[in-house]
Amino acid sequence: MTGAGHTVRDTAAMIAGMAPERDPEIWHFCTVADDAVAALHFPEALATVREAEGVSLILPEAAAARHGFATDLPMARITLSVHSALDGVGLTAAVAQALAENGIPCNMVAGYHHDYAFVPQDMADRAMAILRDLAERGRAP
């Protein structure tokens, strides 16, 4: 089952049930070296990652531009709608491999309930078609 509150752990079931959805927002990966400055952007950030070099922020396009971050690599977010288990194996690998085989770079980000593939905005339509095909093949008998 993939309904709210039900997690899927089986690799084939995760792939078959991923039901990719494209977010209409444009996103940018940004970085700030100073923790205090980074904290100012937390309310607008979709996600943050603390790294040795600074804090990475995933910001919507308007916020990234407003704060003077580079916006030369606009990204689309594709939500893998299956409620994948945190200890499930293979979903993000299958997605990244399918996209890589088609020359589409992706950055995978995992949340508690879902996994997300960030792909260059100009490749998002192709990425969606590839991921829908991957899911369909996973549902085939």
N, C-alpha and C. Protein backbone atom coordinates (compact mmCIF):
# COMPACT_ATOMS: atom_id res chain seq x y z
N MET A 1 0.84 -1.20 0.00
CA MET A 1 0.00 0.00 0.00
C MET A 1 0.87 1.24 0.00
N THR A 2 0.39 2.29 -0.61
CA THR A 2 1.14 3.53 -0.63
C THR A 2 0.37 4.68 -0.02
N GLY A 3 -0.70 4.40 0.66
CA GLY A 3 -1.50 5.47 1.27
C GLY A 3 -0.79 6.10 2.44
N ALA A 4 -1.34 7.21 2.93
CA ALA A 4 -0.75 7.92 4.05
C ALA A 4 -0.59 6.97 5.23
N GLY A 5 0.58 7.02 5.83
CA GLY A 5 0.82 6.20 6.99
C GLY A 5 1.33 4.81 6.67
N HIS A 6 1.33 4.39 5.41
CA HIS A 6 1.82 3.08 5.01
C HIS A 6 3.14 3.25 4.27
N THR A 7 4.17 2.63 4.78
CA THR A 7 5.45 2.73 4.10
C THR A 7 5.70 1.48 3.27
N VAL A 8 6.42 1.68 2.19
CA VAL A 8 6.76 0.59 1.28
C VAL A 8 8.26 0.36 1.39
N ARG A 9 8.64 -0.88 1.58
CA ARG A 9 10.04 -1.24 1.78
C ARG A 9 10.60 -2.05 0.61
N ASP A 10 9.77 -2.83 -0.04
CA ASP A 10 10.19 -3.69 -1.14
C ASP A 10 10.64 -2.85 -2.34
N THR A 11 11.81 -3.15 -2.88
CA THR A 11 12.37 -2.36 -3.97
C THR A 11 11.44 -2.27 -5.17
N ALA A 12 10.96 -3.42 -5.65
CA ALA A 12 10.09 -3.42 -6.83
C ALA A 12 8.80 -2.64 -6.57
N ALA A 13 8.25 -2.79 -5.37
CA ALA A 13 7.01 -2.07 -5.04
C ALA A 13 7.25 -0.57 -4.95
N MET A 14 8.41 -0.16 -4.42
CA MET A 14 8.73 1.28 -4.36
C MET A 14 8.83 1.86 -5.76
N ILE A 15 9.52 1.16 -6.66
CA ILE A 15 9.68 1.65 -8.02
C ILE A 15 8.33 1.69 -8.74
N ALA A 16 7.56 0.62 -8.62
CA ALA A 16 6.25 0.56 -9.28
C ALA A 16 5.30 1.62 -8.76
N GLY A 17 5.41 1.96 -7.48
CA GLY A 17 4.48 2.90 -6.86
C GLY A 17 4.99 4.32 -6.72
N MET A 18 6.12 4.64 -7.34
CA MET A 18 6.72 5.95 -7.08
C MET A 18 5.90 7.13 -7.58
N ALA A 19 5.06 6.96 -8.58
CA ALA A 19 4.16 8.01 -9.07
C ALA A 19 4.81 9.39 -9.06
N PRO A 20 5.80 9.62 -9.93
CA PRO A 20 6.52 10.90 -9.91
C PRO A 20 5.60 12.09 -10.19
N GLU A 21 5.80 13.15 -9.44
CA GLU A 21 5.04 14.40 -9.61
C GLU A 21 6.02 15.56 -9.71
N ARG A 22 5.82 16.40 -10.71
CA ARG A 22 6.70 17.56 -10.90
C ARG A 22 6.13 18.78 -10.18
N ASP A 23 6.99 19.40 -9.39
CA ASP A 23 6.66 20.63 -8.69
C ASP A 23 6.80 21.79 -9.68
N PRO A 24 5.82 22.69 -9.77
CA PRO A 24 5.93 23.80 -10.73
C PRO A 24 6.98 24.84 -10.32
N GLU A 25 7.39 24.86 -9.07
CA GLU A 25 8.40 25.82 -8.59
C GLU A 25 9.76 25.51 -9.21
N ILE A 26 10.55 26.54 -9.40
CA ILE A 26 11.94 26.40 -9.83
C ILE A 26 12.80 26.55 -8.58
N TRP A 27 13.78 25.65 -8.41
CA TRP A 27 14.61 25.61 -7.22
C TRP A 27 16.08 25.85 -7.55
N HIS A 28 16.82 26.37 -6.57
CA HIS A 28 18.26 26.59 -6.73
C HIS A 28 18.99 26.07 -5.51
N PHE A 29 20.12 25.40 -5.77
CA PHE A 29 21.01 24.96 -4.71
C PHE A 29 21.97 26.12 -4.45
N CYS A 30 22.00 26.60 -3.23
CA CYS A 30 22.80 27.76 -2.85
C CYS A 30 23.67 27.37 -1.66
N THR A 31 24.71 28.14 -1.41
CA THR A 31 25.56 27.86 -0.27
C THR A 31 25.95 29.14 0.45
N VAL A 32 26.08 29.03 1.77
CA VAL A 32 26.48 30.15 2.62
C VAL A 32 27.54 29.61 3.59
N ALA A 33 28.67 30.29 3.69
CA ALA A 33 29.75 29.82 4.56
C ALA A 33 29.47 30.07 6.03
N ASP A 34 28.75 31.13 6.35
CA ASP A 34 28.52 31.54 7.73
C ASP A 34 27.18 30.99 8.24
N ASP A 35 27.21 30.26 9.36
CA ASP A 35 26.00 29.66 9.93
C ASP A 35 24.93 30.69 10.27
N ALA A 36 25.35 31.83 10.80
CA ALA A 36 24.39 32.86 11.20
C ALA A 36 23.69 33.45 9.98
N VAL A 37 24.42 33.65 8.90
CA VAL A 37 23.82 34.16 7.65
C VAL A 37 22.90 33.09 7.06
N ALA A 38 23.34 31.85 7.09
CA ALA A 38 22.51 30.76 6.57
C ALA A 38 21.18 30.70 7.31
N ALA A 39 21.22 30.88 8.62
CA ALA A 39 20.00 30.80 9.43
C ALA A 39 18.96 31.82 8.99
N LEU A 40 19.38 32.94 8.45
CA LEU A 40 18.45 33.95 7.96
C LEU A 40 17.61 33.42 6.79
N HIS A 41 18.13 32.43 6.09
CA HIS A 41 17.45 31.90 4.91
C HIS A 41 16.63 30.64 5.22
N PHE A 42 16.75 30.10 6.42
CA PHE A 42 16.05 28.87 6.77
C PHE A 42 14.54 28.94 6.53
N PRO A 43 13.87 30.05 6.86
CA PRO A 43 12.41 30.07 6.65
C PRO A 43 11.99 29.86 5.20
N GLU A 44 12.82 30.24 4.25
CA GLU A 44 12.47 30.10 2.83
C GLU A 44 13.02 28.83 2.21
N ALA A 45 13.92 28.14 2.91
CA ALA A 45 14.58 26.97 2.35
C ALA A 45 13.69 25.74 2.40
N LEU A 46 13.67 25.01 1.32
CA LEU A 46 12.99 23.72 1.28
C LEU A 46 13.77 22.72 2.12
N ALA A 47 15.09 22.78 2.01
CA ALA A 47 15.95 21.87 2.76
C ALA A 47 17.30 22.53 2.97
N THR A 48 18.01 22.08 3.98
CA THR A 48 19.36 22.55 4.25
C THR A 48 20.25 21.35 4.56
N VAL A 49 21.52 21.51 4.25
CA VAL A 49 22.51 20.49 4.57
C VAL A 49 23.75 21.21 5.10
N ARG A 50 24.17 20.83 6.30
CA ARG A 50 25.37 21.42 6.88
C ARG A 50 26.57 20.61 6.37
N GLU A 51 27.50 21.30 5.72
CA GLU A 51 28.69 20.67 5.17
C GLU A 51 29.92 21.36 5.76
N ALA A 52 31.08 20.76 5.61
CA ALA A 52 32.32 21.34 6.14
C ALA A 52 32.56 22.73 5.54
N GLU A 53 32.16 22.93 4.29
CA GLU A 53 32.41 24.21 3.61
C GLU A 53 31.36 25.27 3.90
N GLY A 54 30.25 24.89 4.50
CA GLY A 54 29.17 25.84 4.78
C GLY A 54 27.83 25.13 4.77
N VAL A 55 26.78 25.92 4.67
CA VAL A 55 25.42 25.38 4.67
C VAL A 55 24.86 25.47 3.26
N SER A 56 24.40 24.33 2.75
CA SER A 56 23.72 24.31 1.46
C SER A 56 22.23 24.52 1.71
N LEU A 57 21.62 25.33 0.86
CA LEU A 57 20.20 25.66 0.96
C LEU A 57 19.54 25.35 -0.37
N ILE A 58 18.36 24.79 -0.34
CA ILE A 58 17.57 24.64 -1.57
C ILE A 58 16.47 25.70 -1.47
N LEU A 59 16.59 26.71 -2.30
CA LEU A 59 15.69 27.87 -2.24
C LEU A 59 14.85 28.00 -3.49
N PRO A 60 13.62 28.50 -3.34
CA PRO A 60 12.81 28.81 -4.53
C PRO A 60 13.49 29.93 -5.31
N GLU A 61 13.23 29.97 -6.61
CA GLU A 61 13.90 30.92 -7.48
C GLU A 61 13.80 32.37 -7.01
N ALA A 62 12.62 32.80 -6.63
CA ALA A 62 12.45 34.20 -6.22
C ALA A 62 13.33 34.53 -5.02
N ALA A 63 13.40 33.64 -4.05
CA ALA A 63 14.22 33.88 -2.86
C ALA A 63 15.69 33.89 -3.21
N ALA A 64 16.12 32.93 -4.04
CA ALA A 64 17.53 32.88 -4.44
C ALA A 64 17.94 34.16 -5.15
N ALA A 65 17.12 34.62 -6.07
CA ALA A 65 17.42 35.85 -6.81
C ALA A 65 17.40 37.06 -5.88
N ARG A 66 16.40 37.14 -5.02
CA ARG A 66 16.25 38.28 -4.11
C ARG A 66 17.46 38.42 -3.19
N HIS A 67 18.05 37.31 -2.80
CA HIS A 67 19.19 37.34 -1.87
C HIS A 67 20.54 37.31 -2.58
N GLY A 68 20.53 37.39 -3.91
CA GLY A 68 21.77 37.52 -4.67
C GLY A 68 22.54 36.22 -4.89
N PHE A 69 21.89 35.08 -4.73
CA PHE A 69 22.56 33.81 -5.00
C PHE A 69 22.60 33.57 -6.51
N ALA A 70 23.55 32.76 -6.94
CA ALA A 70 23.63 32.38 -8.35
C ALA A 70 22.37 31.62 -8.74
N THR A 71 21.83 31.95 -9.89
CA THR A 71 20.62 31.27 -10.38
C THR A 71 20.84 30.72 -11.79
N ASP A 72 22.08 30.31 -12.06
CA ASP A 72 22.42 29.83 -13.40
C ASP A 72 22.10 28.35 -13.62
N LEU A 73 21.67 27.63 -12.59
CA LEU A 73 21.29 26.23 -12.77
C LEU A 73 19.92 25.99 -12.13
N PRO A 74 18.86 26.44 -12.82
CA PRO A 74 17.51 26.22 -12.28
C PRO A 74 17.17 24.73 -12.28
N MET A 75 16.60 24.28 -11.18
CA MET A 75 16.29 22.87 -11.00
C MET A 75 14.79 22.66 -10.81
N ALA A 76 14.31 21.53 -11.33
CA ALA A 76 12.93 21.11 -11.10
C ALA A 76 12.98 20.02 -10.02
N ARG A 77 11.97 20.04 -9.16
CA ARG A 77 11.87 19.00 -8.13
C ARG A 77 10.81 17.99 -8.56
N ILE A 78 11.20 16.73 -8.59
CA ILE A 78 10.27 15.64 -8.89
C ILE A 78 10.10 14.84 -7.61
N THR A 79 8.86 14.79 -7.13
CA THR A 79 8.55 14.04 -5.93
C THR A 79 8.22 12.61 -6.30
N LEU A 80 8.87 11.67 -5.63
CA LEU A 80 8.52 10.26 -5.78
C LEU A 80 7.47 10.01 -4.72
N SER A 81 6.23 9.92 -5.15
CA SER A 81 5.09 9.99 -4.23
C SER A 81 4.89 8.76 -3.36
N VAL A 82 5.56 7.68 -3.65
CA VAL A 82 5.44 6.49 -2.81
C VAL A 82 5.96 6.83 -1.41
N HIS A 83 5.31 6.30 -0.39
CA HIS A 83 5.78 6.48 0.99
C HIS A 83 6.86 5.43 1.24
N SER A 84 8.06 5.73 0.79
CA SER A 84 9.15 4.76 0.89
C SER A 84 9.70 4.71 2.31
N ALA A 85 10.04 3.52 2.74
CA ALA A 85 10.61 3.32 4.07
C ALA A 85 12.01 3.92 4.12
N LEU A 86 12.36 4.48 5.26
CA LEU A 86 13.70 5.04 5.41
C LEU A 86 14.78 3.98 5.21
N ASP A 87 14.46 2.73 5.51
CA ASP A 87 15.43 1.66 5.33
C ASP A 87 15.14 0.83 4.07
N GLY A 88 14.32 1.37 3.18
CA GLY A 88 14.08 0.72 1.90
C GLY A 88 15.32 0.82 1.03
N VAL A 89 15.55 -0.17 0.22
CA VAL A 89 16.77 -0.23 -0.59
C VAL A 89 16.43 -0.19 -2.08
N GLY A 90 17.08 0.69 -2.82
CA GLY A 90 17.05 0.63 -4.27
C GLY A 90 16.27 1.69 -5.02
N LEU A 91 15.34 2.39 -4.37
CA LEU A 91 14.53 3.36 -5.11
C LEU A 91 15.38 4.49 -5.67
N THR A 92 16.15 5.16 -4.83
CA THR A 92 16.92 6.30 -5.33
C THR A 92 17.99 5.85 -6.32
N ALA A 93 18.55 4.66 -6.11
CA ALA A 93 19.54 4.14 -7.05
C ALA A 93 18.91 3.89 -8.41
N ALA A 94 17.72 3.31 -8.44
CA ALA A 94 17.03 3.03 -9.70
C ALA A 94 16.70 4.33 -10.44
N VAL A 95 16.24 5.33 -9.69
CA VAL A 95 15.89 6.62 -10.29
C VAL A 95 17.14 7.29 -10.85
N ALA A 96 18.19 7.37 -10.05
CA ALA A 96 19.43 8.02 -10.49
C ALA A 96 20.02 7.29 -11.69
N GLN A 97 19.97 5.96 -11.70
CA GLN A 97 20.52 5.19 -12.81
C GLN A 97 19.71 5.42 -14.09
N ALA A 98 18.39 5.38 -13.98
CA ALA A 98 17.54 5.60 -15.17
C ALA A 98 17.79 6.98 -15.77
N LEU A 99 17.92 7.98 -14.93
CA LEU A 99 18.18 9.33 -15.43
C LEU A 99 19.58 9.43 -16.01
N ALA A 100 20.58 8.85 -15.32
CA ALA A 100 21.96 8.90 -15.80
C ALA A 100 22.10 8.22 -17.16
N GLU A 101 21.42 7.09 -17.33
CA GLU A 101 21.47 6.38 -18.62
C GLU A 101 20.93 7.23 -19.76
N ASN A 102 20.16 8.24 -19.43
CA ASN A 102 19.59 9.14 -20.44
C ASN A 102 20.25 10.51 -20.42
N GLY A 103 21.39 10.61 -19.76
CA GLY A 103 22.16 11.85 -19.76
C GLY A 103 21.56 12.97 -18.93
N ILE A 104 20.73 12.63 -17.95
CA ILE A 104 20.09 13.65 -17.11
C ILE A 104 20.71 13.61 -15.72
N PRO A 105 21.39 14.68 -15.33
CA PRO A 105 21.94 14.72 -13.98
C PRO A 105 20.82 14.88 -12.96
N CYS A 106 21.01 14.31 -11.79
CA CYS A 106 20.02 14.50 -10.74
C CYS A 106 20.70 14.55 -9.38
N ASN A 107 20.08 15.27 -8.50
CA ASN A 107 20.49 15.34 -7.10
C ASN A 107 19.33 14.78 -6.30
N MET A 108 19.58 13.69 -5.60
CA MET A 108 18.55 13.04 -4.81
C MET A 108 18.55 13.61 -3.39
N VAL A 109 17.36 13.89 -2.89
CA VAL A 109 17.19 14.37 -1.52
C VAL A 109 16.09 13.53 -0.91
N ALA A 110 16.33 13.03 0.28
CA ALA A 110 15.34 12.19 0.94
C ALA A 110 14.74 12.92 2.13
N GLY A 111 13.42 12.84 2.23
CA GLY A 111 12.72 13.31 3.40
C GLY A 111 12.19 12.11 4.17
N TYR A 112 11.45 12.35 5.21
CA TYR A 112 10.90 11.27 6.02
C TYR A 112 9.89 10.44 5.22
N HIS A 113 9.03 11.12 4.47
CA HIS A 113 7.96 10.44 3.74
C HIS A 113 8.26 10.14 2.28
N HIS A 114 9.06 10.99 1.65
CA HIS A 114 9.28 10.87 0.21
C HIS A 114 10.74 11.12 -0.15
N ASP A 115 11.07 10.69 -1.37
CA ASP A 115 12.36 11.00 -1.97
C ASP A 115 12.11 11.98 -3.11
N TYR A 116 13.10 12.81 -3.39
CA TYR A 116 12.97 13.85 -4.39
C TYR A 116 14.16 13.82 -5.34
N ALA A 117 13.89 13.94 -6.61
CA ALA A 117 14.95 14.06 -7.62
C ALA A 117 14.92 15.50 -8.13
N PHE A 118 16.04 16.18 -8.00
CA PHE A 118 16.18 17.52 -8.56
C PHE A 118 16.96 17.38 -9.86
N VAL A 119 16.38 17.85 -10.94
CA VAL A 119 16.98 17.76 -12.26
C VAL A 119 17.00 19.14 -12.89
N PRO A 120 17.93 19.40 -13.83
CA PRO A 120 17.91 20.69 -14.51
C PRO A 120 16.52 20.97 -15.10
N GLN A 121 16.06 22.17 -14.91
CA GLN A 121 14.71 22.57 -15.33
C GLN A 121 14.44 22.24 -16.79
N ASP A 122 15.44 22.46 -17.65
CA ASP A 122 15.21 22.22 -19.08
C ASP A 122 15.19 20.74 -19.45
N MET A 123 15.45 19.86 -18.50
CA MET A 123 15.40 18.42 -18.74
C MET A 123 14.26 17.75 -17.98
N ALA A 124 13.46 18.54 -17.30
CA ALA A 124 12.43 17.99 -16.41
C ALA A 124 11.36 17.19 -17.15
N ASP A 125 10.93 17.64 -18.31
CA ASP A 125 9.91 16.89 -19.05
C ASP A 125 10.42 15.50 -19.44
N ARG A 126 11.66 15.45 -19.94
CA ARG A 126 12.26 14.15 -20.29
C ARG A 126 12.41 13.28 -19.05
N ALA A 127 12.84 13.88 -17.95
CA ALA A 127 13.01 13.12 -16.70
C ALA A 127 11.69 12.53 -16.26
N MET A 128 10.62 13.31 -16.33
CA MET A 128 9.30 12.80 -15.93
C MET A 128 8.90 11.62 -16.80
N ALA A 129 9.12 11.71 -18.10
CA ALA A 129 8.76 10.61 -19.01
C ALA A 129 9.56 9.35 -18.67
N ILE A 130 10.83 9.52 -18.39
CA ILE A 130 11.69 8.38 -18.04
C ILE A 130 11.22 7.73 -16.74
N LEU A 131 10.91 8.55 -15.74
CA LEU A 131 10.49 8.00 -14.45
C LEU A 131 9.11 7.37 -14.52
N ARG A 132 8.21 7.93 -15.30
CA ARG A 132 6.90 7.30 -15.50
C ARG A 132 7.07 5.94 -16.18
N ASP A 133 7.95 5.89 -17.17
CA ASP A 133 8.21 4.63 -17.87
C ASP A 133 8.83 3.61 -16.90
N LEU A 134 9.75 4.03 -16.07
CA LEU A 134 10.38 3.15 -15.08
C LEU A 134 9.33 2.57 -14.15
N ALA A 135 8.42 3.41 -13.66
CA ALA A 135 7.35 2.94 -12.77
C ALA A 135 6.43 1.97 -13.49
N GLU A 136 6.08 2.30 -14.74
CA GLU A 136 5.19 1.44 -15.52
C GLU A 136 5.82 0.06 -15.74
N ARG A 137 7.11 0.05 -16.08
CA ARG A 137 7.80 -1.22 -16.25
C ARG A 137 7.83 -2.01 -14.94
N GLY A 138 7.88 -1.29 -13.83
CA GLY A 138 7.88 -1.95 -12.52
C GLY A 138 6.52 -2.56 -12.18
N ARG A 139 5.46 -2.05 -12.80
CA ARG A 139 4.10 -2.60 -12.57
C ARG A 139 3.76 -3.71 -13.54
N ALA A 140 4.53 -3.85 -14.63
CA ALA A 140 4.23 -4.87 -15.64
C ALA A 140 4.42 -6.27 -15.04
N PRO A 141 3.52 -7.19 -15.40
CA PRO A 141 3.64 -8.57 -14.87
C PRO A 141 4.85 -9.29 -15.43
